[in-house]
């Protein structure tokens, strides 16, 4: 069975949650999917750095950065750490930096835009809580699918229907 976002939408219709088309692709992987690990932070990437250093095989970071365009929450150093730990991808409701370096990494990266300004690190942020990304609810354990058509989220029960 195809796992394209369009085919998944055809199967689940409005029961699937679709992120609005405001996200740009910055990573070296256009297609990625995995179980969502959530993070809520605002202009502080301390917890993102911590999560990137943990095992991420089969997982995607869904980061509610509050839509801030003032600073980047992800750059090449943290992204390289995420790759080293097996993360599938990162979706950030906010900005990234080091665009050229991100493009060379085997990591899916979606964000609103880029800026050279880095974030602060005060140790702020909440991990594994329900978050809202561009108006769409994301819950830890949901499954995110991203491809050239967009980003789609299924809950655990829906995703379980896809198993062979």
Foldseek 3Di string as FASTA:
>chain_A
DDPDPVVLCVVCPPLKDFAPPQKDWQAQDQKFKAFEKEKEAELALQVLLVVLQAAAARYEYEYEHVLEAPAANEELVSVVSNVVRHHAEYEYSYEHENRVNRNPGNYIYIYNYYDPHHGHHPPDMDIQQWDARNNRIDHGGWMWIGHPVGIIIHHNVSVVVVDD
